[in-house]
């Protein structure tokens, strides 16, 4: 069995996908790289097939109609045969030394662990030269003991600025298959669902303090850019609702440490939906946010009331103009804390 399956979701990625694939090939025969050509209209599929022909024991290619990033991840989970599963976007890459460290850690404690956590970094590059201009590392050492297999009760509380992300996690593959994920398609920000949904089945984890994932910031049209996020606020709401319907955090009250982590995760993502809908400030956005809140209350009244009235994010849903002011302020502060765009 391969140690790690990595899915690289590609859509019209011909100009940059090689950076991701070449960094992953350094894992050698210990890894399985699944390139998903998600209905690309350029040479992405051809490039993927060339890689498969050159590295047939490492690379597997899936060609499918366009369904968005979520459909690509779903295909990757379906095809994966490795012990653990990782998502790497086609314009990102992994650090070579951290990559080797993680593969060795899978050998050492992989049988005991449901989820690994790593540090990652946002990398800003010059658009013309590709030169690295700055790097913003995101660390978890304040939350987890290093290199130890723990349960949820072994971690400290996360700060409001911290959360599990696709960049910082890898799950045991069988756990993902057993979780029967129904990842939203044709939707941005579905990676939050990909974290939240399987968390219910996680019992053990291990934090390895290496910056494995390098997240490229600077390409036009990226989902983290403010104008894109505000324009696609409804995708945040759609994915937040998928998480709300997936399972009730309160079903884990018998494990308070696990409940805190799950609640923290969904609180942050619901707040992102609220923030971007408020910042959009259009008549349509106001109507969609109102409909979201109504459905949220119907699906999980207890969670709705806690977030709506008794949490730190409650001010975000004040009636205008206060909700809009608070949302813009919260977004500005977030950008200062984590320089993601």
Protein backbone atom coordinates (compact mmCIF):
# COMPACT_ATOMS: atom_id res chain seq x y z
CA UNK A 1 0.00 0.00 0.00
CA UNK A 2 1.15 3.50 -0.80
CA UNK A 3 1.73 5.74 2.21
CA UNK A 4 -0.06 8.74 0.77
CA UNK A 5 -2.57 9.49 -1.98
CA UNK A 6 -2.54 13.09 -3.20
CA UNK A 7 -5.23 14.50 -5.46
CA UNK A 8 -4.33 17.42 -7.70
CA UNK A 9 -7.53 19.00 -9.03
CA UNK A 10 -6.92 20.73 -12.36
CA UNK A 11 -9.07 23.00 -14.47
CA UNK A 12 -7.29 24.83 -17.28
CA UNK A 13 -4.09 24.50 -15.28
CA UNK A 14 -1.62 23.98 -18.13
CA UNK A 15 0.52 27.00 -17.21
CA UNK A 16 1.28 26.04 -13.61
CA UNK A 17 0.26 22.45 -12.77
CA UNK A 18 3.81 21.19 -13.28
CA UNK A 19 4.94 23.06 -10.15
CA UNK A 20 2.54 21.03 -8.01
CA UNK A 21 3.16 17.70 -9.74
CA UNK A 22 6.95 18.01 -9.77
CA UNK A 23 7.03 18.80 -6.05
CA UNK A 24 4.88 15.73 -5.33
CA UNK A 25 6.95 13.40 -7.48
CA UNK A 26 9.75 13.79 -4.93
CA UNK A 27 7.80 11.38 -2.75
CA UNK A 28 8.74 8.59 -5.15
CA UNK A 29 7.06 5.20 -4.98
CA UNK A 30 5.68 5.90 -1.51
CA UNK A 31 3.01 8.15 -2.98
CA UNK A 32 0.13 7.98 -5.41
CA UNK A 33 -0.61 11.18 -7.32
CA UNK A 34 -4.14 11.41 -8.70
CA UNK A 35 -4.46 14.18 -11.28
CA UNK A 36 -8.09 15.04 -11.93
CA UNK A 37 -8.68 16.85 -15.22
CA UNK A 38 -11.99 18.52 -14.43
CA UNK A 39 -13.25 19.21 -17.95
CA UNK A 40 -10.34 21.46 -18.91
CA UNK A 41 -10.47 23.23 -22.27
CA UNK A 42 -6.72 23.73 -22.62
CA UNK A 43 -3.82 21.22 -22.62
CA UNK A 44 -4.25 20.22 -18.98
CA UNK A 45 -5.53 16.74 -19.88
CA UNK A 46 -2.71 16.16 -22.35
CA UNK A 47 -0.07 17.20 -19.82
CA UNK A 48 -1.64 14.92 -17.20
CA UNK A 49 -1.58 11.96 -19.61
CA UNK A 50 2.07 12.63 -20.39
CA UNK A 51 2.90 12.51 -16.69
CA UNK A 52 1.01 9.25 -16.31
CA UNK A 53 2.87 7.71 -19.24
CA UNK A 54 6.20 8.77 -17.74
CA UNK A 55 5.39 7.71 -14.15
CA UNK A 56 2.79 4.92 -14.48
CA UNK A 57 3.42 3.48 -11.01
CA UNK A 58 2.98 6.86 -9.31
CA UNK A 59 0.53 8.93 -11.33
CA UNK A 60 -3.07 8.12 -12.10
CA UNK A 61 -5.19 10.43 -14.27
CA UNK A 62 -8.94 10.93 -14.07
CA UNK A 63 -10.73 12.80 -16.88
CA UNK A 64 -14.24 13.96 -16.00
CA UNK A 65 -16.81 16.59 -16.97
CA UNK A 66 -16.43 19.87 -15.15
CA UNK A 67 -17.86 19.73 -11.63
CA UNK A 68 -15.59 22.12 -9.79
CA UNK A 69 -12.95 21.51 -7.16
CA UNK A 70 -15.31 19.49 -4.97
CA UNK A 71 -16.00 17.01 -7.75
CA UNK A 72 -12.25 16.64 -8.21
CA UNK A 73 -11.69 15.89 -4.53
CA UNK A 74 -14.59 13.40 -4.60
CA UNK A 75 -12.98 11.61 -7.54
CA UNK A 76 -9.66 11.57 -5.73
CA UNK A 77 -11.17 9.96 -2.65
CA UNK A 78 -12.91 7.38 -4.82
CA UNK A 79 -9.65 6.44 -6.60
CA UNK A 80 -7.29 6.67 -3.63
CA UNK A 81 -5.53 3.55 -2.41
CA UNK A 82 -2.92 5.09 -0.09
CA UNK A 83 -3.04 4.97 3.70
CA UNK A 84 -3.55 8.74 3.99
CA UNK A 85 -5.13 11.30 1.70
CA UNK A 86 -4.04 14.85 0.88
CA UNK A 87 -5.40 17.58 -1.40
CA UNK A 88 -2.90 19.81 -3.21
CA UNK A 89 -4.24 22.49 -5.53
CA UNK A 90 -2.71 22.72 -9.00
CA UNK A 91 -1.09 26.12 -8.37
CA UNK A 92 0.42 25.15 -4.99
CA UNK A 93 3.26 22.83 -3.97
CA UNK A 94 4.81 21.03 -1.00
CA UNK A 95 8.12 21.66 0.72
CA UNK A 96 10.52 18.83 -0.09
CA UNK A 97 12.04 18.32 3.35
CA UNK A 98 8.70 18.62 5.14
CA UNK A 99 7.24 16.15 2.63
CA UNK A 100 9.90 13.55 3.47
CA UNK A 101 9.37 14.15 7.18
CA UNK A 102 5.64 13.50 6.81
CA UNK A 103 6.10 10.31 4.83
CA UNK A 104 8.40 9.01 7.56
CA UNK A 105 5.88 10.02 10.21
CA UNK A 106 3.19 8.01 8.43
CA UNK A 107 5.48 4.98 8.64
CA UNK A 108 6.08 5.56 12.34
CA UNK A 109 2.59 6.32 13.70
CA UNK A 110 0.19 6.13 10.76
CA UNK A 111 -1.60 3.08 12.16
CA UNK A 112 -2.49 5.03 15.31
CA UNK A 113 -3.63 8.28 13.70
CA UNK A 114 -6.87 9.38 12.02
CA UNK A 115 -5.62 12.85 11.05
CA UNK A 116 -2.26 14.59 10.74
CA UNK A 117 -1.90 18.35 11.21
CA UNK A 118 0.92 20.40 9.71
CA UNK A 119 1.90 24.03 9.53
CA UNK A 120 1.65 25.74 6.15
CA UNK A 121 2.59 29.04 4.57
CA UNK A 122 1.08 31.63 2.25
CA UNK A 123 3.60 32.51 -0.47
CA UNK A 124 3.41 35.79 -2.37
CA UNK A 125 5.19 35.79 -5.74
CA UNK A 126 5.88 38.42 -8.35
CA UNK A 127 3.36 37.89 -11.16
CA UNK A 128 5.92 38.60 -13.87
CA UNK A 129 9.09 36.89 -12.64
CA UNK A 130 7.69 34.24 -10.29
CA UNK A 131 10.16 35.42 -7.65
CA UNK A 132 9.07 34.80 -4.06
CA UNK A 133 8.33 38.17 -2.45
CA UNK A 134 7.15 37.14 0.99
CA UNK A 135 6.04 34.15 3.01
CA UNK A 136 3.53 34.05 5.87
CA UNK A 137 3.79 30.84 7.94
CA UNK A 138 0.79 29.61 9.90
CA UNK A 139 1.69 27.57 12.97
CA UNK A 140 -0.25 25.34 15.36
CA UNK A 141 2.32 24.86 18.11
CA UNK A 142 0.18 26.87 20.53
CA UNK A 143 -2.59 24.28 20.16
CA UNK A 144 -0.91 20.86 19.90
CA UNK A 145 1.97 19.01 21.52
CA UNK A 146 4.56 18.24 18.88
CA UNK A 147 4.92 14.77 17.33
CA UNK A 148 2.54 13.08 19.76
CA UNK A 149 -0.55 10.99 19.05
CA UNK A 150 -3.39 12.56 21.01
CA UNK A 151 -7.17 12.74 21.24
CA UNK A 152 -9.17 15.95 21.21
CA UNK A 153 -8.62 16.30 24.95
CA UNK A 154 -4.88 16.56 24.32
CA UNK A 155 -5.12 19.83 22.40
CA UNK A 156 -5.59 23.37 23.68
CA UNK A 157 -8.34 25.70 22.54
CA UNK A 158 -7.88 27.20 19.11
CA UNK A 159 -7.79 30.96 18.74
CA UNK A 160 -10.43 32.63 16.59
CA UNK A 161 -7.68 33.08 13.97
CA UNK A 162 -6.90 29.35 13.87
CA UNK A 163 -8.75 26.54 12.16
CA UNK A 164 -8.25 23.24 10.36
CA UNK A 165 -7.83 23.73 6.62
CA UNK A 166 -7.17 21.56 3.59
CA UNK A 167 -3.63 23.00 3.63
CA UNK A 168 -2.97 21.87 7.20
CA UNK A 169 -4.57 18.42 7.35
CA UNK A 170 -4.43 14.95 5.91
CA UNK A 171 -6.94 12.25 6.82
CA UNK A 172 -6.70 8.48 6.83
CA UNK A 173 -8.11 7.46 3.46
CA UNK A 174 -10.43 4.77 4.77
CA UNK A 175 -11.91 7.25 7.24
CA UNK A 176 -12.83 9.53 4.33
CA UNK A 177 -14.33 6.66 2.36
CA UNK A 178 -16.35 5.56 5.39
CA UNK A 179 -17.55 9.14 5.94
CA UNK A 180 -19.44 8.98 2.61
CA UNK A 181 -18.80 12.64 1.85
CA UNK A 182 -21.29 14.43 -0.38
CA UNK A 183 -19.06 17.30 -1.43
CA UNK A 184 -20.89 20.26 -3.03
CA UNK A 185 -20.05 20.61 -6.73
CA UNK A 186 -19.70 23.71 -8.91
CA UNK A 187 -19.02 25.59 -5.69
CA UNK A 188 -16.10 27.54 -4.24
CA UNK A 189 -15.00 27.02 -0.61
CA UNK A 190 -16.18 23.43 -0.46
CA UNK A 191 -12.91 22.52 1.23
CA UNK A 192 -14.47 23.54 4.54
CA UNK A 193 -17.03 20.78 4.14
CA UNK A 194 -14.16 18.39 3.33
CA UNK A 195 -12.76 19.13 6.79
CA UNK A 196 -15.95 19.42 8.81
CA UNK A 197 -17.74 16.31 7.52
CA UNK A 198 -15.07 13.73 8.44
CA UNK A 199 -14.20 15.39 11.79
CA UNK A 200 -17.04 13.45 13.39
CA UNK A 201 -15.11 10.22 12.75
CA UNK A 202 -11.72 11.49 13.95
CA UNK A 203 -10.56 10.30 17.36
CA UNK A 204 -6.76 10.51 17.18
CA UNK A 205 -4.43 13.05 15.62
CA UNK A 206 -0.78 14.02 15.45
CA UNK A 207 0.69 17.47 14.89
CA UNK A 208 3.97 17.45 12.98
CA UNK A 209 5.53 20.95 13.17
CA UNK A 210 6.75 21.32 9.59
CA UNK A 211 5.51 23.76 6.93
CA UNK A 212 4.41 21.15 4.42
CA UNK A 213 1.96 23.07 2.22
CA UNK A 214 2.93 26.15 0.23
CA UNK A 215 -0.17 28.13 -0.78
CA UNK A 216 0.48 30.46 -3.71
CA UNK A 217 -1.16 33.88 -3.39
CA UNK A 218 -1.28 36.29 -6.29
CA UNK A 219 -2.93 34.61 -9.26
CA UNK A 220 -5.91 36.56 -10.61
CA UNK A 221 -9.30 35.10 -9.74
CA UNK A 222 -8.22 33.16 -6.66
CA UNK A 223 -11.01 32.35 -4.25
CA UNK A 224 -9.26 34.12 -1.35
CA UNK A 225 -9.22 37.48 -3.13
CA UNK A 226 -11.64 39.93 -1.57
CA UNK A 227 -13.57 40.79 -4.74
CA UNK A 228 -14.02 37.12 -5.61
CA UNK A 229 -15.10 36.16 -2.09
CA UNK A 230 -17.61 38.99 -1.87
CA UNK A 231 -19.00 38.20 -5.31
CA UNK A 232 -19.29 34.49 -4.47
CA UNK A 233 -20.74 34.97 -0.97
CA UNK A 234 -23.53 32.53 -1.83
CA UNK A 235 -21.00 29.71 -2.18
CA UNK A 236 -19.97 30.34 1.42
CA UNK A 237 -23.62 30.11 2.46
CA UNK A 238 -24.20 26.97 0.38
CA UNK A 239 -21.22 25.16 1.91
CA UNK A 240 -22.07 26.38 5.41
CA UNK A 241 -25.56 24.91 5.02
CA UNK A 242 -24.09 21.62 3.80
CA UNK A 243 -22.04 21.50 7.01
CA UNK A 244 -25.02 22.41 9.18
CA UNK A 245 -27.03 19.58 7.63
CA UNK A 246 -24.17 17.05 7.78
CA UNK A 247 -24.45 16.49 11.53
CA UNK A 248 -25.26 18.27 14.78
CA UNK A 249 -22.22 19.40 16.82
CA UNK A 250 -24.30 18.94 19.97
CA UNK A 251 -24.36 15.19 19.40
CA UNK A 252 -20.77 15.26 20.74
CA UNK A 253 -21.49 16.94 24.06
CA UNK A 254 -20.41 13.73 25.80
CA UNK A 255 -16.90 14.57 24.50
CA UNK A 256 -16.59 18.26 25.33
CA UNK A 257 -13.12 18.62 23.82
CA UNK A 258 -14.32 17.27 20.48
CA UNK A 259 -17.46 19.40 20.64
CA UNK A 260 -15.36 22.54 21.14
CA UNK A 261 -13.31 21.81 18.01
CA UNK A 262 -16.32 21.00 15.86
CA UNK A 263 -18.25 24.03 17.11
CA UNK A 264 -15.22 26.28 16.56
CA UNK A 265 -14.91 25.06 12.99
CA UNK A 266 -18.53 25.59 11.99
CA UNK A 267 -18.67 28.94 13.83
CA UNK A 268 -15.82 30.29 11.72
CA UNK A 269 -17.24 29.16 8.41
CA UNK A 270 -20.77 30.38 9.12
CA UNK A 271 -19.24 33.73 10.07
CA UNK A 272 -17.41 33.86 6.74
CA UNK A 273 -20.73 33.39 4.96
CA UNK A 274 -22.31 36.15 7.00
CA UNK A 275 -19.35 38.50 6.51
CA UNK A 276 -19.20 38.16 2.74
CA UNK A 277 -22.97 38.35 2.28
CA UNK A 278 -22.99 41.55 4.34
CA UNK A 279 -20.05 42.98 2.41
CA UNK A 280 -21.79 42.25 -0.90
CA UNK A 281 -24.63 44.46 0.38
CA UNK A 282 -26.83 43.90 -2.69
CA UNK A 283 -30.56 43.35 -2.56
CA UNK A 284 -30.01 39.76 -3.71
CA UNK A 285 -27.39 39.14 -1.02
CA UNK A 286 -29.67 40.48 1.69
CA UNK A 287 -32.48 38.21 0.51
CA UNK A 288 -30.19 35.16 0.29
CA UNK A 289 -28.75 35.79 3.74
CA UNK A 290 -32.27 36.11 5.17
CA UNK A 291 -33.26 32.80 3.51
CA UNK A 292 -30.10 31.16 4.84
CA UNK A 293 -30.84 32.31 8.38
CA UNK A 294 -34.42 31.03 8.16
CA UNK A 295 -33.29 27.59 6.95
CA UNK A 296 -30.49 27.49 9.51
CA UNK A 297 -33.00 28.07 12.30
CA UNK A 298 -35.23 25.30 10.95
CA UNK A 299 -32.40 22.76 10.61
CA UNK A 300 -30.66 23.36 13.95
CA UNK A 301 -32.38 25.89 16.20
CA UNK A 302 -29.97 25.33 19.10
CA UNK A 303 -26.87 26.03 17.03
CA UNK A 304 -28.58 28.92 15.28
CA UNK A 305 -29.46 30.62 18.55
CA UNK A 306 -25.96 30.17 19.96
CA UNK A 307 -24.29 31.68 16.91
CA UNK A 308 -26.94 34.32 16.29
CA UNK A 309 -27.19 35.70 19.81
CA UNK A 310 -24.46 34.36 22.09
CA UNK A 311 -21.21 34.16 20.13
CA UNK A 312 -18.40 36.53 19.18
CA UNK A 313 -19.73 36.68 15.62
CA UNK A 314 -23.25 37.76 16.63
CA UNK A 315 -22.51 41.46 15.80
CA UNK A 316 -21.96 40.47 12.16
CA UNK A 317 -25.67 39.91 11.64
CA UNK A 318 -26.93 43.13 13.13
CA UNK A 319 -29.33 44.90 10.82
CA UNK A 320 -27.67 47.38 8.49
CA UNK A 321 -25.67 49.56 8.77
CA UNK A 322 -24.10 48.00 11.86
CA UNK A 323 -23.76 44.47 10.45
CA UNK A 324 -22.06 45.86 7.34
CA UNK A 325 -19.68 48.00 9.40
CA UNK A 326 -18.81 45.09 11.68
CA UNK A 327 -18.28 42.74 8.72
CA UNK A 328 -15.90 45.12 6.97
CA UNK A 329 -14.01 45.69 10.22
CA UNK A 330 -13.75 41.95 10.92
CA UNK A 331 -12.50 41.26 7.40
CA UNK A 332 -9.88 44.01 7.65
CA UNK A 333 -8.60 42.68 10.98
CA UNK A 334 -8.45 39.13 9.56
CA UNK A 335 -6.29 40.30 6.68
CA UNK A 336 -3.90 41.91 9.16
CA UNK A 337 -3.63 38.72 11.21
CA UNK A 338 -3.30 36.34 8.25
CA UNK A 339 -1.95 38.02 5.12
CA UNK A 340 -3.76 35.78 2.68
CA UNK A 341 -4.19 38.28 -0.16
